[in-house]
Amino acid sequence: MLKPKPNSVFILCAVAVAIAWCSQAVAQSDIRLAVAGPYTHQNLTLFFLEGPETTSGDYLALDEALESKQAKVLETQDVNRLVVVNKGNKPVFVHAGDIVKGGQQDRTVSSDTLVLPGQRRAVEVFCVEQGRWERRGRESVSEFSSSKRMLSSRGQKLAAKLSKHQSEVWDHVQADQDKLGQKLSKNVKAATSASSLQLTLEHQDVQAASDGFIAKLGQALDAHPQAVGYAFAVNGSISAAEVYGSHRLFRKLWSKLLASNAVEAVLESGEQGGPPPGAAQVLAFLEAAEREAVTVQSEDANLRAEKQEAAEVVLFATKDKQKGSASLHKSYLKKQAPAPASAKAPKRLMILR
């Protein structure tokens, strides 16, 4: 297992060289996290964020709920809306960026959703596949078989979570498929559905290229039992950070998150970059969003969704109202992802069927 380099720093100003910077930052926000790391393999760098848990209880991640038959994801008559049914006795956490495979088209979830035991809840989605609106192989057209993957680039995430624009999602999926093909010198589009991001992520060459990152970095979390999240950088630039209400929830999501980051690293391999950032830069990245005004994006009986947007980073936060509005998930995402070349073409219309 890789050992971190000795440059961890506390936002509570435990490190003397950071006292002046930290005292100013803490006065402006309530972040109480320590940054441990970095762990680096090739162009991907990870930092673990350690701090107090903000919520208790056991949540099922969507992939484990589907695998254990404790949840179903069903098609509706609306291409941008699916229904999650919780058949178990634990709340199911549906993570923004989760990809669900099957149905009439593969989709990705645009925002966090919490589904309590016995509930049926609608989730807002975007297509990450074009053209297909029929059975694929032996898959069901009425429900989705699995959710083992997430959106795999910053451009895809910004299109789905910030712009919320279907054409932009399609543009980034197509551009990233083409770019992966160029990086790997291989056509990574599936014959059964060339536009499917899910099937591209399952391609053996994409998985093989990602596996090197996962093998080197996957066990790094074991050394940090107090970690409630992490940040990652590609080619020396911080791309995103994720913070969860508990270590247990973070642990459940870890392998899926890292697999997504590994694909992003493959996409950006060979590109110009700088040295890995330091812990102080990670804290500054978090602080930039935390200083901004809070905008409530949505609210229901289960979750309150908020956004804080700065010039270069946006924070999406969800709070579990069943736990006294405890923080369940914070997602920090660097803005200004380069637009794919296809974005300059006329926008395609999404056909509702």
Protein backbone atom coordinates (compact mmCIF):
# COMPACT_ATOMS: atom_id res chain seq x y z
CA MET A 1 0.00 0.00 0.00
CA LEU A 2 1.26 3.45 -0.81
CA LYS A 3 2.29 5.67 2.09
CA PRO A 4 1.32 9.34 2.05
CA LYS A 5 3.92 12.02 1.81
CA PRO A 6 4.25 14.02 5.04
CA ASN A 7 2.34 17.18 4.18
CA SER A 8 -1.00 16.70 6.01
CA VAL A 9 -2.46 19.87 7.48
CA PHE A 10 -5.39 20.64 9.81
CA ILE A 11 -7.86 23.37 8.98
CA LEU A 12 -8.04 23.87 12.76
CA CYS A 13 -4.50 25.19 12.45
CA ALA A 14 -2.72 22.27 14.10
CA VAL A 15 0.29 22.83 11.88
CA ALA A 16 2.25 25.89 12.82
CA VAL A 17 3.15 26.97 9.31
CA ALA A 18 -0.54 27.16 8.43
CA ILE A 19 -1.74 29.14 11.47
CA ALA A 20 -2.22 32.49 9.76
CA TRP A 21 -4.01 31.07 6.73
CA CYS A 22 -6.22 28.77 8.82
CA SER A 23 -7.39 31.42 11.29
CA GLN A 24 -8.74 33.50 8.44
CA ALA A 25 -10.40 30.51 6.71
CA VAL A 26 -12.14 29.21 9.83
CA ALA A 27 -13.63 32.63 10.48
CA GLN A 28 -15.41 32.42 7.13
CA SER A 29 -16.71 28.85 7.16
CA ASP A 30 -17.39 25.84 9.33
CA ILE A 31 -15.13 23.29 7.64
CA ARG A 32 -13.50 21.11 10.28
CA LEU A 33 -11.44 18.68 8.28
CA ALA A 34 -7.87 17.42 8.19
CA VAL A 35 -6.21 16.67 4.88
CA ALA A 36 -4.07 13.52 4.68
CA GLY A 37 -1.88 12.65 1.73
CA PRO A 38 -1.02 12.89 -1.04
CA TYR A 39 -1.25 9.44 -2.59
CA THR A 40 -0.16 9.59 -6.22
CA HIS A 41 -0.05 7.17 -9.11
CA GLN A 42 0.96 8.58 -12.47
CA ASN A 43 -1.26 11.65 -13.07
CA LEU A 44 -3.87 10.92 -10.35
CA THR A 45 -3.43 12.25 -6.80
CA LEU A 46 -5.71 11.57 -3.82
CA PHE A 47 -6.11 13.33 -0.48
CA PHE A 48 -8.30 11.94 2.31
CA LEU A 49 -10.45 14.31 4.35
CA GLU A 50 -10.71 13.34 8.01
CA GLY A 51 -13.18 14.85 10.43
CA PRO A 52 -16.28 14.38 12.58
CA GLU A 53 -19.23 12.41 11.29
CA THR A 54 -22.36 14.53 10.79
CA THR A 55 -24.99 11.83 10.52
CA SER A 56 -25.60 8.40 11.99
CA GLY A 57 -27.36 5.33 10.68
CA ASP A 58 -26.75 2.89 7.88
CA TYR A 59 -27.56 3.94 4.33
CA LEU A 60 -27.61 1.55 1.40
CA ALA A 61 -25.77 2.76 -1.69
CA LEU A 62 -27.80 2.29 -4.84
CA ASP A 63 -25.55 -0.42 -6.28
CA GLU A 64 -25.74 -2.60 -3.16
CA ALA A 65 -29.49 -2.05 -2.86
CA LEU A 66 -29.98 -3.26 -6.44
CA GLU A 67 -27.63 -6.21 -6.01
CA SER A 68 -29.40 -7.35 -2.83
CA LYS A 69 -32.85 -6.88 -4.43
CA GLN A 70 -33.77 -4.33 -1.76
CA ALA A 71 -34.48 -1.67 -4.37
CA LYS A 72 -35.68 -1.32 -7.95
CA VAL A 73 -35.18 1.45 -10.48
CA LEU A 74 -38.12 1.64 -12.87
CA GLU A 75 -38.82 3.34 -16.19
CA THR A 76 -41.60 5.93 -16.43
CA GLN A 77 -43.23 7.66 -19.36
CA ASP A 78 -40.78 10.55 -18.89
CA VAL A 79 -37.29 10.09 -20.35
CA ASN A 80 -35.86 12.48 -17.74
CA ARG A 81 -37.47 10.82 -14.73
CA LEU A 82 -37.18 7.36 -13.20
CA VAL A 83 -38.64 5.88 -10.02
CA VAL A 84 -36.66 4.24 -7.22
CA VAL A 85 -38.57 1.76 -5.05
CA ASN A 86 -37.08 0.89 -1.65
CA LYS A 87 -38.18 -2.61 -0.68
CA GLY A 88 -35.78 -2.92 2.26
CA ASN A 89 -35.59 -1.62 5.81
CA LYS A 90 -32.75 0.90 5.34
CA PRO A 91 -32.72 4.23 3.49
CA VAL A 92 -31.25 4.06 -0.02
CA PHE A 93 -28.86 6.85 -0.99
CA VAL A 94 -28.87 7.58 -4.73
CA HIS A 95 -25.67 9.47 -5.56
CA ALA A 96 -25.61 12.23 -8.17
CA GLY A 97 -23.70 10.85 -11.14
CA ASP A 98 -24.77 7.25 -10.60
CA ILE A 99 -25.36 5.49 -13.92
CA VAL A 100 -28.18 2.96 -14.12
CA LYS A 101 -27.85 0.30 -16.81
CA GLY A 102 -30.70 -1.10 -18.87
CA GLY A 103 -34.24 0.11 -19.35
CA GLN A 104 -34.93 1.79 -22.64
CA GLN A 105 -31.77 3.92 -22.35
CA ASP A 106 -28.91 4.07 -19.82
CA ARG A 107 -29.33 7.12 -17.57
CA THR A 108 -27.40 9.11 -15.01
CA VAL A 109 -28.84 10.68 -11.87
CA SER A 110 -28.55 14.48 -11.83
CA SER A 111 -28.85 15.08 -8.07
CA ASP A 112 -28.71 13.16 -4.80
CA THR A 113 -31.91 11.42 -3.74
CA LEU A 114 -32.80 9.66 -0.48
CA VAL A 115 -35.43 6.92 -0.55
CA LEU A 116 -36.72 5.74 2.82
CA PRO A 117 -37.91 2.17 3.48
CA GLY A 118 -41.19 1.46 1.73
CA GLN A 119 -41.03 4.61 -0.40
CA ARG A 120 -41.24 5.16 -4.15
CA ARG A 121 -39.43 8.33 -5.19
CA ALA A 122 -38.90 9.99 -8.53
CA VAL A 123 -35.32 10.80 -9.54
CA GLU A 124 -34.30 13.32 -12.18
CA VAL A 125 -32.02 11.79 -14.81
CA PHE A 126 -30.24 12.43 -18.10
CA CYS A 127 -29.54 9.97 -20.89
CA VAL A 128 -25.97 8.77 -21.28
CA GLU A 129 -26.89 6.87 -24.42
CA GLN A 130 -28.55 8.06 -27.63
CA GLY A 131 -30.88 6.51 -30.14
CA ARG A 132 -31.86 3.33 -28.32
CA TRP A 133 -35.42 3.12 -27.04
CA GLU A 134 -35.93 -0.61 -26.99
CA ARG A 135 -34.72 -3.80 -25.35
CA ARG A 136 -30.95 -4.31 -25.44
CA GLY A 137 -30.07 -7.98 -25.48
CA ARG A 138 -31.81 -9.72 -22.59
CA GLU A 139 -32.13 -6.59 -20.43
CA SER A 140 -35.52 -5.53 -19.16
CA VAL A 141 -37.04 -2.45 -20.78
CA SER A 142 -39.09 -1.66 -17.68
CA GLU A 143 -36.36 -1.60 -15.02
CA PHE A 144 -32.61 -1.26 -14.61
CA SER A 145 -30.31 -4.13 -13.76
CA SER A 146 -27.39 -2.43 -12.02
CA SER A 147 -25.61 0.77 -11.02
CA LYS A 148 -21.93 -0.08 -10.90
CA ARG A 149 -20.56 3.04 -12.63
CA MET A 150 -20.56 6.82 -12.27
CA LEU A 151 -19.98 9.71 -14.63
CA SER A 152 -16.33 9.60 -15.55
CA SER A 153 -15.19 13.15 -16.33
CA ARG A 154 -15.55 16.65 -14.96
CA GLY A 155 -17.25 17.78 -18.16
CA GLN A 156 -19.92 15.11 -17.85
CA LYS A 157 -20.55 16.01 -14.20
CA LEU A 158 -20.81 19.74 -14.86
CA ALA A 159 -23.23 19.14 -17.73
CA ALA A 160 -25.50 16.93 -15.61
CA LYS A 161 -25.26 18.71 -12.26
CA LEU A 162 -24.64 22.40 -13.04
CA SER A 163 -25.79 23.11 -16.60
CA LYS A 164 -28.47 20.39 -16.45
CA HIS A 165 -28.45 20.30 -20.24
CA GLN A 166 -29.09 17.04 -22.07
CA SER A 167 -27.26 18.03 -25.23
CA GLU A 168 -24.18 18.95 -23.21
CA VAL A 169 -24.27 15.57 -21.47
CA TRP A 170 -24.40 13.80 -24.84
CA ASP A 171 -21.62 16.02 -26.23
CA HIS A 172 -19.29 15.21 -23.34
CA VAL A 173 -20.08 11.50 -23.45
CA GLN A 174 -19.32 11.35 -27.17
CA ALA A 175 -16.17 13.45 -26.85
CA ASP A 176 -14.90 11.34 -23.97
CA GLN A 177 -15.59 8.11 -25.83
CA ASP A 178 -13.58 9.43 -28.79
CA LYS A 179 -10.79 10.64 -26.52
CA LEU A 180 -10.55 7.30 -24.73
CA GLY A 181 -10.33 5.63 -28.11
CA GLN A 182 -7.44 7.91 -29.07
CA LYS A 183 -5.60 7.39 -25.77
CA LEU A 184 -5.95 3.61 -25.97
CA SER A 185 -5.62 3.30 -29.77
CA LYS A 186 -8.78 1.24 -29.72
CA ASN A 187 -12.45 1.68 -30.62
CA VAL A 188 -14.09 1.57 -27.17
CA LYS A 189 -17.67 1.94 -28.39
CA ALA A 190 -19.84 -1.16 -28.06
CA ALA A 191 -21.30 -2.75 -31.16
CA THR A 192 -24.63 -3.26 -29.38
CA SER A 193 -24.94 0.47 -28.63
CA ALA A 194 -22.11 2.73 -29.73
CA SER A 195 -23.46 5.73 -27.83
CA SER A 196 -23.65 4.00 -24.43
CA LEU A 197 -21.24 5.46 -21.86
CA GLN A 198 -21.92 2.49 -19.58
CA LEU A 199 -20.81 -0.02 -22.22
CA THR A 200 -17.70 2.04 -23.01
CA LEU A 201 -16.77 2.00 -19.31
CA GLU A 202 -17.19 -1.79 -19.38
CA HIS A 203 -14.86 -2.14 -22.39
CA GLN A 204 -11.94 -4.42 -21.50
CA ASP A 205 -9.29 -1.92 -22.60
CA VAL A 206 -10.85 0.92 -20.59
CA GLN A 207 -11.04 -1.33 -17.55
CA ALA A 208 -7.47 -2.51 -18.03
CA ALA A 209 -6.18 1.07 -18.20
CA SER A 210 -8.16 1.98 -15.07
CA ASP A 211 -7.13 -1.09 -13.11
CA GLY A 212 -3.57 0.17 -12.67
CA PHE A 213 -4.81 3.21 -10.73
CA ILE A 214 -7.23 1.13 -8.69
CA ALA A 215 -4.55 -1.43 -7.79
CA LYS A 216 -2.13 1.27 -6.61
CA LEU A 217 -4.58 3.56 -4.82
CA GLY A 218 -7.57 1.42 -3.85
CA GLN A 219 -6.25 0.30 -0.46
CA ALA A 220 -5.05 3.74 0.61
CA LEU A 221 -8.33 4.38 2.41
CA ASP A 222 -7.58 1.51 4.82
CA ALA A 223 -5.06 3.72 6.63
CA HIS A 224 -7.67 6.41 7.30
CA PRO A 225 -10.58 5.06 9.39
CA GLN A 226 -11.59 8.63 10.27
CA ALA A 227 -11.90 9.74 6.65
CA VAL A 228 -15.32 11.03 5.64
CA GLY A 229 -14.32 12.01 2.13
CA TYR A 230 -11.52 12.79 -0.25
CA ALA A 231 -10.27 15.17 -2.93
CA PHE A 232 -8.50 14.25 -6.13
CA ALA A 233 -6.31 16.00 -8.66
CA VAL A 234 -5.50 15.09 -12.26
CA ASN A 235 -2.32 16.39 -13.90
CA GLY A 236 -1.67 18.50 -10.81
CA SER A 237 -5.03 20.31 -10.86
CA ILE A 238 -7.73 19.63 -8.26
CA SER A 239 -10.79 18.30 -10.03
CA ALA A 240 -13.29 17.57 -7.25
CA ALA A 241 -13.86 16.62 -3.62
CA GLU A 242 -16.55 14.52 -1.97
CA VAL A 243 -17.47 14.60 1.73
CA TYR A 244 -20.04 12.31 3.36
CA GLY A 245 -21.94 12.21 6.63
CA SER A 246 -20.07 9.15 7.85
CA HIS A 247 -17.01 7.04 7.15
CA ARG A 248 -19.28 4.05 6.63
CA LEU A 249 -21.15 5.68 3.76
CA PHE A 250 -17.91 6.94 2.21
CA ARG A 251 -16.45 3.45 2.44
CA LYS A 252 -19.42 1.95 0.60
CA LEU A 253 -18.97 4.39 -2.27
CA TRP A 254 -15.18 4.36 -2.41
CA SER A 255 -14.54 1.73 -5.10
CA LYS A 256 -17.14 3.27 -7.41
CA LEU A 257 -15.73 6.76 -6.91
CA LEU A 258 -12.14 5.66 -7.52
CA ALA A 259 -13.09 3.78 -10.68
CA SER A 260 -14.63 7.00 -12.01
CA ASN A 261 -11.50 9.01 -11.14
CA ALA A 262 -9.29 6.41 -12.78
CA VAL A 263 -11.13 6.84 -16.07
CA GLU A 264 -10.73 10.61 -15.82
CA ALA A 265 -7.01 10.12 -15.28
CA VAL A 266 -6.83 7.91 -18.37
CA LEU A 267 -8.73 10.55 -20.35
CA GLU A 268 -6.21 13.23 -19.34
CA SER A 269 -3.07 11.10 -19.53
CA GLY A 270 -0.22 12.63 -21.49
CA GLU A 271 -1.69 16.12 -21.17
CA GLN A 272 0.35 19.03 -19.86
CA GLY A 273 0.16 19.46 -16.11
CA GLY A 274 2.04 20.45 -13.00
CA PRO A 275 3.17 18.78 -9.77
CA PRO A 276 0.56 17.44 -7.35
CA PRO A 277 -1.08 20.14 -5.21
CA GLY A 278 -0.51 20.42 -1.48
CA ALA A 279 -2.91 20.12 1.44
CA ALA A 280 -3.26 23.91 1.73
CA GLN A 281 -4.44 24.04 -1.88
CA VAL A 282 -7.05 21.39 -1.15
CA LEU A 283 -8.36 23.42 1.78
CA ALA A 284 -8.43 26.58 -0.33
CA PHE A 285 -10.44 24.70 -2.96
CA LEU A 286 -13.06 23.74 -0.35
CA GLU A 287 -13.10 27.19 1.21
CA ALA A 288 -13.70 28.98 -2.11
CA ALA A 289 -17.15 27.42 -2.37
CA GLU A 290 -17.96 27.47 1.34
CA ARG A 291 -17.63 31.27 1.44
CA GLU A 292 -20.44 31.78 -1.10
CA ALA A 293 -24.12 32.34 -0.35
CA VAL A 294 -26.34 29.26 -0.05
CA THR A 295 -29.05 28.70 -2.67
CA VAL A 296 -31.73 26.08 -1.99
CA GLN A 297 -32.17 24.02 -5.15
CA SER A 298 -34.86 21.64 -3.96
CA GLU A 299 -36.45 20.31 -0.80
CA ASP A 300 -38.72 17.40 0.04
CA ALA A 301 -39.60 15.45 3.16
CA ASN A 302 -36.29 13.55 3.00
CA LEU A 303 -33.61 15.86 1.62
CA ARG A 304 -32.72 19.50 1.29
CA ALA A 305 -30.43 20.25 -1.66
CA GLU A 306 -28.27 23.39 -1.63
CA LYS A 307 -25.72 25.00 -3.91
CA GLN A 308 -22.83 27.41 -3.29
CA GLU A 309 -21.12 28.67 -6.42
CA ALA A 310 -17.85 30.55 -6.71
CA ALA A 311 -15.95 31.61 -9.82
CA GLU A 312 -13.94 28.40 -10.11
CA VAL A 313 -15.72 25.83 -7.92
CA VAL A 314 -19.30 24.86 -7.15
CA LEU A 315 -20.53 23.01 -4.07
CA PHE A 316 -23.64 20.81 -4.10
CA ALA A 317 -24.77 19.84 -0.58
CA THR A 318 -27.56 17.55 0.57
CA LYS A 319 -28.93 17.36 4.08
CA ASP A 320 -30.91 14.48 5.60
CA LYS A 321 -34.05 16.02 7.07
CA GLN A 322 -34.82 12.77 8.86
CA LYS A 323 -31.64 13.40 10.88
CA GLY A 324 -32.34 17.02 11.81
CA SER A 325 -30.94 18.36 8.51
CA ALA A 326 -27.58 16.71 9.12
CA SER A 327 -25.09 16.98 6.28
CA LEU A 328 -25.27 13.81 4.20
CA HIS A 329 -23.10 14.68 1.19
CA LYS A 330 -21.04 17.61 -0.07
CA SER A 331 -19.73 17.54 -3.63
CA TYR A 332 -17.15 20.18 -4.64
CA LEU A 333 -16.57 20.40 -8.38
CA LYS A 334 -14.09 22.54 -10.27
CA LYS A 335 -15.81 24.58 -12.98
CA GLN A 336 -14.73 25.62 -16.47
CA ALA A 337 -14.20 22.16 -17.90
CA PRO A 338 -13.13 22.47 -21.54
CA ALA A 339 -16.06 22.14 -23.92
CA PRO A 340 -15.89 19.19 -26.31
CA ALA A 341 -15.37 20.03 -29.97
CA SER A 342 -18.82 18.68 -30.79
CA ALA A 343 -20.37 21.36 -28.57
CA LYS A 344 -19.88 23.83 -31.40
CA ALA A 345 -22.24 21.84 -33.60
CA PRO A 346 -25.99 22.59 -33.59
CA LYS A 347 -27.65 21.24 -30.47
CA ARG A 348 -29.54 17.98 -30.90
CA LEU A 349 -33.09 17.80 -29.68
CA MET A 350 -33.99 15.08 -27.17
CA ILE A 351 -36.98 13.09 -28.35
CA LEU A 352 -39.50 12.21 -25.65
CA ARG A 353 -41.18 8.89 -26.25
